[in-house]
Protein backbone atom coordinates (compact mmCIF):
# COMPACT_ATOMS: atom_id res chain seq x y z
CA MET A 1 121.04 78.14 101.66
CA LEU A 2 118.50 80.51 103.18
CA ARG A 3 120.39 83.69 102.27
CA PRO A 4 119.69 83.49 98.51
CA LEU A 5 116.03 82.76 99.20
CA PHE A 6 115.62 85.76 101.50
CA TRP A 7 117.72 87.94 99.17
CA TYR A 8 115.26 87.09 96.39
CA MET A 9 112.26 87.70 98.64
CA ALA A 10 113.71 91.07 99.72
CA GLY A 11 114.03 92.12 96.11
CA GLU A 12 110.50 91.02 95.33
CA MET A 13 109.17 93.00 98.29
CA ARG A 14 110.90 96.15 97.02
CA ARG A 15 109.78 95.63 93.41
CA ASN A 16 106.22 94.54 94.01
CA PRO A 17 105.12 95.01 97.62
CA ASP A 18 101.40 94.43 96.95
CA LYS A 19 102.03 91.03 95.35
CA SER A 20 104.49 90.09 98.13
CA ILE A 21 101.95 90.94 100.83
CA GLU A 22 99.28 88.93 98.99
CA GLN A 23 101.62 85.93 98.97
CA LEU A 24 102.47 86.47 102.64
CA VAL A 25 98.84 86.20 103.71
CA ALA A 26 97.69 83.67 101.10
CA ASP A 27 97.52 80.85 103.66
CA CYS A 28 96.47 83.03 106.58
CA HIS A 29 93.14 82.93 108.36
CA GLU A 30 90.44 85.30 107.13
CA THR A 31 90.95 87.56 110.15
CA ASP A 32 94.51 88.28 109.00
CA LYS A 33 93.42 88.81 105.41
CA ALA A 34 90.80 91.32 106.57
CA ALA A 35 93.34 93.14 108.73
CA ILE A 36 95.91 93.42 105.94
CA ALA A 37 93.24 94.75 103.60
CA GLN A 38 93.17 97.96 105.66
CA PRO A 39 95.26 100.39 103.57
CA ASP A 40 97.00 102.02 106.54
CA LEU A 41 97.99 98.69 108.09
CA LYS A 42 99.11 97.29 104.74
CA GLU A 43 101.38 100.31 104.25
CA VAL A 44 102.89 99.87 107.74
CA ILE A 45 103.60 96.18 107.08
CA ILE A 46 105.20 96.98 103.72
CA LYS A 47 107.44 99.61 105.37
CA MET A 48 108.36 97.27 108.24
CA THR A 49 109.13 94.40 105.90
CA ASN A 50 111.17 96.57 103.54
CA GLY A 51 113.07 97.97 106.52
CA GLY A 52 113.85 94.46 107.71
CA VAL A 53 115.28 93.43 104.35
CA GLN A 54 116.74 96.78 103.33
CA GLN A 55 120.26 95.37 103.22
CA GLY A 56 119.26 92.01 101.76
CA GLY A 57 118.12 88.73 103.25
CA ARG A 58 121.14 87.90 105.42
CA ALA A 59 119.64 89.03 108.75
CA THR A 60 116.34 87.26 108.10
CA ALA A 61 118.16 84.07 107.14
CA TRP A 62 120.26 84.30 110.32
CA GLU A 63 117.09 84.70 112.40
CA TYR A 64 115.76 81.44 110.95
CA VAL A 65 119.04 79.70 111.77
CA LEU A 66 118.79 80.93 115.37
CA PHE A 67 115.29 79.42 115.65
CA THR A 68 116.82 75.99 115.13
CA ARG A 69 119.61 76.25 117.71
CA PRO A 70 119.60 76.11 121.49
CA TRP A 71 119.16 79.58 122.97
CA GLY A 72 121.59 79.07 125.85
CA PHE A 73 118.85 79.03 128.49
CA ARG A 74 115.70 77.09 129.28
CA LEU A 75 112.30 78.75 129.26
CA ASP A 76 111.75 77.75 132.88
CA ASP A 77 114.91 79.69 133.82
CA ILE A 78 113.24 83.01 132.94
CA GLN A 79 112.50 84.81 136.19
CA MET A 80 111.07 88.13 135.01
CA PRO A 81 107.44 88.59 134.00
CA VAL A 82 106.76 87.82 130.34
CA TYR A 83 103.66 88.93 128.47
CA LEU A 84 102.50 86.66 125.69
CA TRP A 85 99.62 87.35 123.34
CA HIS A 86 98.62 84.81 120.72
CA GLY A 87 95.80 84.59 118.22
CA GLU A 88 94.28 81.12 118.09
CA MET A 89 93.71 81.50 114.33
CA ASP A 90 97.41 82.23 113.74
CA THR A 91 98.70 80.16 110.81
CA MET A 92 102.24 81.61 110.94
CA CYS A 93 103.04 80.63 114.54
CA PRO A 94 101.01 77.66 115.81
CA VAL A 95 98.99 78.32 118.93
CA SER A 96 100.46 75.11 120.38
CA MET A 97 103.84 76.87 120.44
CA GLY A 98 102.35 79.79 122.37
CA ARG A 99 100.66 77.46 124.85
CA PHE A 100 103.93 75.56 125.34
CA MET A 101 105.80 78.79 126.05
CA ALA A 102 103.06 80.02 128.38
CA LYS A 103 103.25 76.77 130.34
CA SER A 104 107.06 76.70 130.39
CA ILE A 105 107.83 80.28 131.46
CA PRO A 106 107.16 80.63 135.21
CA ASN A 107 105.98 84.26 135.23
CA CYS A 108 104.26 84.19 131.86
CA ARG A 109 101.11 86.24 131.62
CA ALA A 110 99.52 84.74 128.54
CA ARG A 111 96.36 85.72 126.78
CA PHE A 112 94.96 83.78 123.86
CA TYR A 113 92.47 85.40 121.50
CA PRO A 114 90.06 82.90 119.93
CA ASN A 115 89.15 84.91 116.81
CA GLU A 116 92.49 86.52 116.00
CA GLY A 117 95.39 85.57 113.76
CA HIS A 118 99.01 86.67 113.52
CA ILE A 119 98.38 90.14 112.09
CA SER A 120 94.83 90.80 113.24
CA LEU A 121 95.78 90.38 116.90
CA VAL A 122 98.06 93.41 116.79
CA ALA A 123 95.77 95.34 114.44
CA ASN A 124 92.66 94.85 116.58
CA HIS A 125 94.24 95.04 120.06
CA PHE A 126 97.14 97.46 119.57
CA GLU A 127 96.08 99.92 122.27
CA GLU A 128 95.51 97.12 124.79
CA LEU A 129 98.93 95.60 124.09
CA LEU A 130 100.67 98.96 124.21
CA ALA A 131 98.93 99.91 127.47
CA THR A 132 100.21 96.70 129.06
CA LEU A 133 103.76 97.37 127.91
CA VAL A 134 103.95 100.98 129.11
CA CYS A 135 102.59 100.32 132.62
């Protein structure tokens, strides 16, 4: 049932990206709305989203299905270091989910940002996140 929904959303994103982005952030915290208002960032998000749905909504629908199924491992089985960054104003992924993962993954190096949302976290801390990943 998700495939037709995401197929429709993919078409809307291609036809009217500005309206689609507005709808995407309609319920987001003000920090995310301010971040997406930056023309360069808005253009990147439109390109990323269009790339993700370029062949329709099937892959996105499948991703949502996978969220609801067991992953085949427990979080506490993860042995390698995991970096987790989460904005506490994130309305797309609840901060409680990030805190649960941080507590459950043994080598999780979590950082929570009190005044950031889902999009603003990456927009405002991109260099910091990238520097951590390339070390």
